Amino acid sequence: MGIVLLLSALAVIYSKYYSRLIFIEIQKQERALDQYEVEWGQMQLELTMLAEQNRVELVARDQLKLVMPLREKIIYIKP
């Protein structure tokens, strides 16, 4: 009877210890998820900023030294 009680107590201690380890791991993963969500939001904001028409035109003009062609030089192709 005493051995069963001792084994039962050890099983309770082990399960409590194991559940705490799992809880700590869950908290670490939740912190990592929060950090990834912040990073995702920052990337979405950066993507929006970089994709703006003004930004594309400014980079084309300033860095690539491109110029808008004259209206009569533009050829439109109908689908």
PDB file of N, CA and C in Angstrom:
ATOM      1  N   MET A   1       0.836  -1.196   0.000  1.00  0.00           N
ATOM      2  CA  MET A   1       0.000   0.000   0.000  1.00  0.00           C
ATOM      3  C   MET A   1       0.877   1.256   0.000  1.00  0.00           C
ATOM      4  N   GLY A   2       1.934   1.244   0.798  1.00  0.00           N
ATOM      5  CA  GLY A   2       2.820   2.395   0.887  1.00  0.00           C
ATOM      6  C   GLY A   2       3.545   2.660  -0.428  1.00  0.00           C
ATOM      7  N   ILE A   3       3.900   1.581  -1.152  1.00  0.00           N
ATOM      8  CA  ILE A   3       4.598   1.732  -2.427  1.00  0.00           C
ATOM      9  C   ILE A   3       3.678   2.370  -3.464  1.00  0.00           C
ATOM     10  N   VAL A   4       2.432   1.961  -3.476  1.00  0.00           N
ATOM     11  CA  VAL A   4       1.457   2.534  -4.407  1.00  0.00           C
ATOM     12  C   VAL A   4       1.273   4.014  -4.115  1.00  0.00           C
ATOM     13  N   LEU A   5       1.201   4.344  -2.838  1.00  0.00           N
ATOM     14  CA  LEU A   5       1.048   5.748  -2.453  1.00  0.00           C
ATOM     15  C   LEU A   5       2.277   6.557  -2.864  1.00  0.00           C
ATOM     16  N   LEU A   6       3.461   6.006  -2.679  1.00  0.00           N
ATOM     17  CA  LEU A   6       4.702   6.667  -3.055  1.00  0.00           C
ATOM     18  C   LEU A   6       4.779   6.852  -4.572  1.00  0.00           C
ATOM     19  N   LEU A   7       4.438   5.832  -5.330  1.00  0.00           N
ATOM     20  CA  LEU A   7       4.437   5.925  -6.787  1.00  0.00           C
ATOM     21  C   LEU A   7       3.420   6.954  -7.275  1.00  0.00           C
ATOM     22  N   SER A   8       2.284   6.968  -6.635  1.00  0.00           N
ATOM     23  CA  SER A   8       1.249   7.936  -6.989  1.00  0.00           C
ATOM     24  C   SER A   8       1.733   9.366  -6.722  1.00  0.00           C
ATOM     25  N   ALA A   9       2.392   9.590  -5.610  1.00  0.00           N
ATOM     26  CA  ALA A   9       2.915  10.913  -5.262  1.00  0.00           C
ATOM     27  C   ALA A   9       3.991  11.331  -6.261  1.00  0.00           C
ATOM     28  N   LEU A  10       4.869  10.394  -6.633  1.00  0.00           N
ATOM     29  CA  LEU A  10       5.902  10.699  -7.625  1.00  0.00           C
ATOM     30  C   LEU A  10       5.295  11.026  -8.993  1.00  0.00           C
ATOM     31  N   ALA A  11       4.226  10.317  -9.346  1.00  0.00           N
ATOM     32  CA  ALA A  11       3.548  10.581 -10.618  1.00  0.00           C
ATOM     33  C   ALA A  11       2.926  11.982 -10.608  1.00  0.00           C
ATOM     34  N   VAL A  12       2.351  12.378  -9.492  1.00  0.00           N
ATOM     35  CA  VAL A  12       1.770  13.716  -9.372  1.00  0.00           C
ATOM     36  C   VAL A  12       2.861  14.778  -9.489  1.00  0.00           C
ATOM     37  N   ILE A  13       3.980  14.566  -8.822  1.00  0.00           N
ATOM     38  CA  ILE A  13       5.091  15.517  -8.872  1.00  0.00           C
ATOM     39  C   ILE A  13       5.619  15.638 -10.307  1.00  0.00           C
ATOM     40  N   TYR A  14       5.799  14.476 -10.967  1.00  0.00           N
ATOM     41  CA  TYR A  14       6.304  14.491 -12.339  1.00  0.00           C
ATOM     42  C   TYR A  14       5.337  15.202 -13.277  1.00  0.00           C
ATOM     43  N   SER A  15       4.049  14.916 -13.146  1.00  0.00           N
ATOM     44  CA  SER A  15       3.076  15.544 -14.045  1.00  0.00           C
ATOM     45  C   SER A  15       3.007  17.053 -13.806  1.00  0.00           C
ATOM     46  N   LYS A  16       3.122  17.486 -12.570  1.00  0.00           N
ATOM     47  CA  LYS A  16       3.130  18.922 -12.251  1.00  0.00           C
ATOM     48  C   LYS A  16       4.370  19.586 -12.859  1.00  0.00           C
ATOM     49  N   TYR A  17       5.518  18.943 -12.712  1.00  0.00           N
ATOM     50  CA  TYR A  17       6.760  19.460 -13.272  1.00  0.00           C
ATOM     51  C   TYR A  17       6.668  19.546 -14.801  1.00  0.00           C
ATOM     52  N   TYR A  18       6.160  18.495 -15.416  1.00  0.00           N
ATOM     53  CA  TYR A  18       6.039  18.459 -16.869  1.00  0.00           C
ATOM     54  C   TYR A  18       5.057  19.525 -17.368  1.00  0.00           C
ATOM     55  N   SER A  19       3.957  19.722 -16.645  1.00  0.00           N
ATOM     56  CA  SER A  19       2.984  20.745 -17.064  1.00  0.00           C
ATOM     57  C   SER A  19       3.591  22.144 -16.944  1.00  0.00           C
ATOM     58  N   ARG A  20       4.445  22.376 -15.968  1.00  0.00           N
ATOM     59  CA  ARG A  20       5.116  23.678 -15.853  1.00  0.00           C
ATOM     60  C   ARG A  20       6.087  23.896 -17.008  1.00  0.00           C
ATOM     61  N   LEU A  21       6.821  22.839 -17.379  1.00  0.00           N
ATOM     62  CA  LEU A  21       7.716  22.952 -18.532  1.00  0.00           C
ATOM     63  C   LEU A  21       6.938  23.297 -19.806  1.00  0.00           C
ATOM     64  N   ILE A  22       5.818  22.644 -19.998  1.00  0.00           N
ATOM     65  CA  ILE A  22       4.988  22.917 -21.170  1.00  0.00           C
ATOM     66  C   ILE A  22       4.450  24.339 -21.118  1.00  0.00           C
ATOM     67  N   PHE A  23       4.018  24.802 -19.955  1.00  0.00           N
ATOM     68  CA  PHE A  23       3.516  26.163 -19.808  1.00  0.00           C
ATOM     69  C   PHE A  23       4.596  27.191 -20.140  1.00  0.00           C
ATOM     70  N   ILE A  24       5.824  26.953 -19.679  1.00  0.00           N
ATOM     71  CA  ILE A  24       6.940  27.862 -19.977  1.00  0.00           C
ATOM     72  C   ILE A  24       7.198  27.896 -21.478  1.00  0.00           C
ATOM     73  N   GLU A  25       7.152  26.748 -22.126  1.00  0.00           N
ATOM     74  CA  GLU A  25       7.367  26.688 -23.581  1.00  0.00           C
ATOM     75  C   GLU A  25       6.248  27.412 -24.325  1.00  0.00           C
ATOM     76  N   ILE A  26       5.034  27.262 -23.869  1.00  0.00           N
ATOM     77  CA  ILE A  26       3.902  27.965 -24.496  1.00  0.00           C
ATOM     78  C   ILE A  26       4.098  29.471 -24.379  1.00  0.00           C
ATOM     79  N   GLN A  27       4.520  29.948 -23.224  1.00  0.00           N
ATOM     80  CA  GLN A  27       4.742  31.378 -23.053  1.00  0.00           C
ATOM     81  C   GLN A  27       5.854  31.880 -23.965  1.00  0.00           C
ATOM     82  N   LYS A  28       6.938  31.102 -24.128  1.00  0.00           N
ATOM     83  CA  LYS A  28       8.011  31.507 -25.033  1.00  0.00           C
ATOM     84  C   LYS A  28       7.504  31.591 -26.469  1.00  0.00           C
ATOM     85  N   GLN A  29       6.688  30.631 -26.859  1.00  0.00           N
ATOM     86  CA  GLN A  29       6.154  30.630 -28.222  1.00  0.00           C
ATOM     87  C   GLN A  29       5.185  31.787 -28.438  1.00  0.00           C
ATOM     88  N   GLU A  30       4.406  32.133 -27.413  1.00  0.00           N
ATOM     89  CA  GLU A  30       3.495  33.272 -27.527  1.00  0.00           C
ATOM     90  C   GLU A  30       4.268  34.580 -27.661  1.00  0.00           C
ATOM     91  N   ARG A  31       5.369  34.723 -26.931  1.00  0.00           N
ATOM     92  CA  ARG A  31       6.210  35.922 -27.072  1.00  0.00           C
ATOM     93  C   ARG A  31       6.810  35.998 -28.470  1.00  0.00           C
ATOM     94  N   ALA A  32       7.256  34.863 -28.985  1.00  0.00           N
ATOM     95  CA  ALA A  32       7.803  34.831 -30.342  1.00  0.00           C
ATOM     96  C   ALA A  32       6.721  35.197 -31.351  1.00  0.00           C
ATOM     97  N   LEU A  33       5.515  34.691 -31.157  1.00  0.00           N
ATOM     98  CA  LEU A  33       4.405  35.015 -32.050  1.00  0.00           C
ATOM     99  C   LEU A  33       4.102  36.506 -32.014  1.00  0.00           C
ATOM    100  N   ASP A  34       4.093  37.095 -30.835  1.00  0.00           N
ATOM    101  CA  ASP A  34       3.862  38.535 -30.716  1.00  0.00           C
ATOM    102  C   ASP A  34       4.927  39.314 -31.477  1.00  0.00           C
ATOM    103  N   GLN A  35       6.180  38.894 -31.353  1.00  0.00           N
ATOM    104  CA  GLN A  35       7.271  39.571 -32.061  1.00  0.00           C
ATOM    105  C   GLN A  35       7.105  39.435 -33.571  1.00  0.00           C
ATOM    106  N   TYR A  36       6.706  38.251 -34.031  1.00  0.00           N
ATOM    107  CA  TYR A  36       6.481  38.052 -35.466  1.00  0.00           C
ATOM    108  C   TYR A  36       5.333  38.906 -35.973  1.00  0.00           C
ATOM    109  N   GLU A  37       4.295  39.070 -35.160  1.00  0.00           N
ATOM    110  CA  GLU A  37       3.163  39.909 -35.570  1.00  0.00           C
ATOM    111  C   GLU A  37       3.581  41.370 -35.686  1.00  0.00           C
ATOM    112  N   VAL A  38       4.425  41.840 -34.771  1.00  0.00           N
ATOM    113  CA  VAL A  38       4.938  43.211 -34.852  1.00  0.00           C
ATOM    114  C   VAL A  38       5.775  43.368 -36.119  1.00  0.00           C
ATOM    115  N   GLU A  39       6.641  42.395 -36.367  1.00  0.00           N
ATOM    116  CA  GLU A  39       7.495  42.444 -37.558  1.00  0.00           C
ATOM    117  C   GLU A  39       6.658  42.403 -38.836  1.00  0.00           C
ATOM    118  N   TRP A  40       5.598  41.596 -38.855  1.00  0.00           N
ATOM    119  CA  TRP A  40       4.705  41.505 -40.002  1.00  0.00           C
ATOM    120  C   TRP A  40       4.041  42.855 -40.261  1.00  0.00           C
ATOM    121  N   GLY A  41       3.572  43.505 -39.211  1.00  0.00           N
ATOM    122  CA  GLY A  41       2.953  44.821 -39.366  1.00  0.00           C
ATOM    123  C   GLY A  41       3.930  45.842 -39.920  1.00  0.00           C
ATOM    124  N   GLN A  42       5.171  45.810 -39.435  1.00  0.00           N
ATOM    125  CA  GLN A  42       6.184  46.738 -39.941  1.00  0.00           C
ATOM    126  C   GLN A  42       6.473  46.475 -41.415  1.00  0.00           C
ATOM    127  N   MET A  43       6.527  45.212 -41.800  1.00  0.00           N
ATOM    128  CA  MET A  43       6.783  44.876 -43.199  1.00  0.00           C
ATOM    129  C   MET A  43       5.621  45.288 -44.099  1.00  0.00           C
ATOM    130  N   GLN A  44       4.402  45.130 -43.604  1.00  0.00           N
ATOM    131  CA  GLN A  44       3.235  45.558 -44.385  1.00  0.00           C
ATOM    132  C   GLN A  44       3.261  47.067 -44.597  1.00  0.00           C
ATOM    133  N   LEU A  45       3.620  47.797 -43.556  1.00  0.00           N
ATOM    134  CA  LEU A  45       3.717  49.255 -43.659  1.00  0.00           C
ATOM    135  C   LEU A  45       4.807  49.645 -44.651  1.00  0.00           C
ATOM    136  N   GLU A  46       5.949  48.969 -44.579  1.00  0.00           N
ATOM    137  CA  GLU A  46       7.047  49.263 -45.499  1.00  0.00           C
ATOM    138  C   GLU A  46       6.655  48.932 -46.937  1.00  0.00           C
ATOM    139  N   LEU A  47       5.965  47.820 -47.135  1.00  0.00           N
ATOM    140  CA  LEU A  47       5.518  47.432 -48.473  1.00  0.00           C
ATOM    141  C   LEU A  47       4.557  48.458 -49.044  1.00  0.00           C
ATOM    142  N   THR A  48       3.639  48.934 -48.223  1.00  0.00           N
ATOM    143  CA  THR A  48       2.695  49.952 -48.668  1.00  0.00           C
ATOM    144  C   THR A  48       3.428  51.223 -49.069  1.00  0.00           C
ATOM    145  N   MET A  49       4.393  51.613 -48.268  1.00  0.00           N
ATOM    146  CA  MET A  49       5.140  52.827 -48.553  1.00  0.00           C
ATOM    147  C   MET A  49       5.940  52.681 -49.853  1.00  0.00           C
ATOM    148  N   LEU A  50       6.591  51.531 -50.031  1.00  0.00           N
ATOM    149  CA  LEU A  50       7.425  51.335 -51.211  1.00  0.00           C
ATOM    150  C   LEU A  50       6.606  51.184 -52.492  1.00  0.00           C
ATOM    151  N   ALA A  51       5.371  50.743 -52.376  1.00  0.00           N
ATOM    152  CA  ALA A  51       4.545  50.502 -53.553  1.00  0.00           C
ATOM    153  C   ALA A  51       3.747  51.728 -53.988  1.00  0.00           C
ATOM    154  N   GLU A  52       3.809  52.793 -53.227  1.00  0.00           N
ATOM    155  CA  GLU A  52       3.067  53.995 -53.604  1.00  0.00           C
ATOM    156  C   GLU A  52       3.564  54.503 -54.945  1.00  0.00           C
ATOM    157  N   GLN A  53       2.640  55.025 -55.757  1.00  0.00           N
ATOM    158  CA  GLN A  53       2.975  55.508 -57.095  1.00  0.00           C
ATOM    159  C   GLN A  53       4.024  56.618 -57.023  1.00  0.00           C
ATOM    160  N   ASN A  54       3.891  57.522 -56.074  1.00  0.00           N
ATOM    161  CA  ASN A  54       4.869  58.601 -55.924  1.00  0.00           C
ATOM    162  C   ASN A  54       6.265  58.038 -55.721  1.00  0.00           C
ATOM    163  N   ARG A  55       6.360  57.061 -54.864  1.00  0.00           N
ATOM    164  CA  ARG A  55       7.660  56.486 -54.531  1.00  0.00           C
ATOM    165  C   ARG A  55       8.299  55.850 -55.762  1.00  0.00           C
ATOM    166  N   VAL A  56       7.511  55.092 -56.526  1.00  0.00           N
ATOM    167  CA  VAL A  56       8.029  54.447 -57.728  1.00  0.00           C
ATOM    168  C   VAL A  56       8.512  55.502 -58.715  1.00  0.00           C
ATOM    169  N   GLU A  57       7.725  56.523 -58.892  1.00  0.00           N
ATOM    170  CA  GLU A  57       8.098  57.586 -59.826  1.00  0.00           C
ATOM    171  C   GLU A  57       9.352  58.328 -59.357  1.00  0.00           C
ATOM    172  N   LEU A  58       9.437  58.619 -58.065  1.00  0.00           N
ATOM    173  CA  LEU A  58      10.619  59.310 -57.538  1.00  0.00           C
ATOM    174  C   LEU A  58      11.893  58.479 -57.705  1.00  0.00           C
ATOM    175  N   VAL A  59      11.813  57.203 -57.414  1.00  0.00           N
ATOM    176  CA  VAL A  59      12.988  56.348 -57.565  1.00  0.00           C
ATOM    177  C   VAL A  59      13.376  56.251 -59.034  1.00  0.00           C
ATOM    178  N   ALA A  60      12.386  56.102 -59.914  1.00  0.00           N
ATOM    179  CA  ALA A  60      12.678  56.028 -61.348  1.00  0.00           C
ATOM    180  C   ALA A  60      13.350  57.308 -61.834  1.00  0.00           C
ATOM    181  N   ARG A  61      12.872  58.430 -61.370  1.00  0.00           N
ATOM    182  CA  ARG A  61      13.412  59.706 -61.824  1.00  0.00           C
ATOM    183  C   ARG A  61      14.769  60.006 -61.182  1.00  0.00           C
ATOM    184  N   ASP A  62      14.865  59.841 -59.865  1.00  0.00           N
ATOM    185  CA  ASP A  62      16.071  60.265 -59.154  1.00  0.00           C
ATOM    186  C   ASP A  62      17.215  59.257 -59.248  1.00  0.00           C
ATOM    187  N   GLN A  63      16.922  57.996 -58.994  1.00  0.00           N
ATOM    188  CA  GLN A  63      18.004  57.009 -58.949  1.00  0.00           C
ATOM    189  C   GLN A  63      18.314  56.413 -60.316  1.00  0.00           C
ATOM    190  N   LEU A  64      17.269  56.177 -61.120  1.00  0.00           N
ATOM    191  CA  LEU A  64      17.483  55.545 -62.423  1.00  0.00           C
ATOM    192  C   LEU A  64      17.599  56.556 -63.555  1.00  0.00           C
ATOM    193  N   LYS A  65      17.344  57.817 -63.234  1.00  0.00           N
ATOM    194  CA  LYS A  65      17.440  58.913 -64.212  1.00  0.00           C
ATOM    195  C   LYS A  65      16.509  58.700 -65.411  1.00  0.00           C
ATOM    196  N   LEU A  66      15.329  58.135 -65.132  1.00  0.00           N
ATOM    197  CA  LEU A  66      14.333  57.955 -66.184  1.00  0.00           C
ATOM    198  C   LEU A  66      13.485  59.209 -66.297  1.00  0.00           C
ATOM    199  N   VAL A  67      12.988  59.459 -67.510  1.00  0.00           N
ATOM    200  CA  VAL A  67      12.104  60.610 -67.734  1.00  0.00           C
ATOM    201  C   VAL A  67      10.829  60.119 -68.400  1.00  0.00           C
ATOM    202  N   MET A  68       9.749  60.842 -68.168  1.00  0.00           N
ATOM    203  CA  MET A  68       8.475  60.506 -68.777  1.00  0.00           C
ATOM    204  C   MET A  68       8.545  60.891 -70.258  1.00  0.00           C
ATOM    205  N   PRO A  69       8.187  59.973 -71.168  1.00  0.00           N
ATOM    206  CA  PRO A  69       8.224  60.314 -72.584  1.00  0.00           C
ATOM    207  C   PRO A  69       7.139  61.334 -72.935  1.00  0.00           C
ATOM    208  N   LEU A  70       7.332  62.017 -74.025  1.00  0.00           N
ATOM    209  CA  LEU A  70       6.332  62.973 -74.492  1.00  0.00           C
ATOM    210  C   LEU A  70       5.055  62.229 -74.841  1.00  0.00           C
ATOM    211  N   ARG A  71       3.940  62.926 -74.727  1.00  0.00           N
ATOM    212  CA  ARG A  71       2.643  62.299 -74.956  1.00  0.00           C
ATOM    213  C   ARG A  71       2.541  61.695 -76.352  1.00  0.00           C
ATOM    214  N   GLU A  72       3.061  62.374 -77.340  1.00  0.00           N
ATOM    215  CA  GLU A  72       2.954  61.862 -78.713  1.00  0.00           C
ATOM    216  C   GLU A  72       3.886  60.675 -78.972  1.00  0.00           C
ATOM    217  N   LYS A  73       4.834  60.418 -78.089  1.00  0.00           N
ATOM    218  CA  LYS A  73       5.761  59.289 -78.246  1.00  0.00           C
ATOM    219  C   LYS A  73       5.231  58.010 -77.585  1.00  0.00           C
ATOM    220  N   ILE A  74       4.159  58.129 -76.817  1.00  0.00           N
ATOM    221  CA  ILE A  74       3.593  56.969 -76.120  1.00  0.00           C
ATOM    222  C   ILE A  74       2.707  56.179 -77.084  1.00  0.00           C
ATOM    223  N   ILE A  75       2.934  54.885 -77.145  1.00  0.00           N
ATOM    224  CA  ILE A  75       2.129  53.999 -78.004  1.00  0.00           C
ATOM    225  C   ILE A  75       1.257  53.140 -77.099  1.00  0.00           C
ATOM    226  N   TYR A  76      -0.045  53.183 -77.335  1.00  0.00           N
ATOM    227  CA  TYR A  76      -0.980  52.394 -76.547  1.00  0.00           C
ATOM    228  C   TYR A  76      -1.331  51.129 -77.329  1.00  0.00           C
ATOM    229  N   ILE A  77      -1.311  49.999 -76.663  1.00  0.00           N
ATOM    230  CA  ILE A  77      -1.636  48.733 -77.286  1.00  0.00           C
ATOM    231  C   ILE A  77      -2.949  48.255 -76.679  1.00  0.00           C
ATOM    232  N   LYS A  78      -3.926  48.015 -77.555  1.00  0.00           N
ATOM    233  CA  LYS A  78      -5.233  47.543 -77.076  1.00  0.00           C
ATOM    234  C   LYS A  78      -5.184  46.026 -76.941  1.00  0.00           C
ATOM    235  N   PRO A  79      -5.811  45.511 -75.905  1.00  0.00           N
ATOM    236  CA  PRO A  79      -5.805  44.049 -75.694  1.00  0.00           C
ATOM    237  C   PRO A  79      -6.672  43.331 -76.720  1.00  0.00           C
TER     238      PRO A  79
END
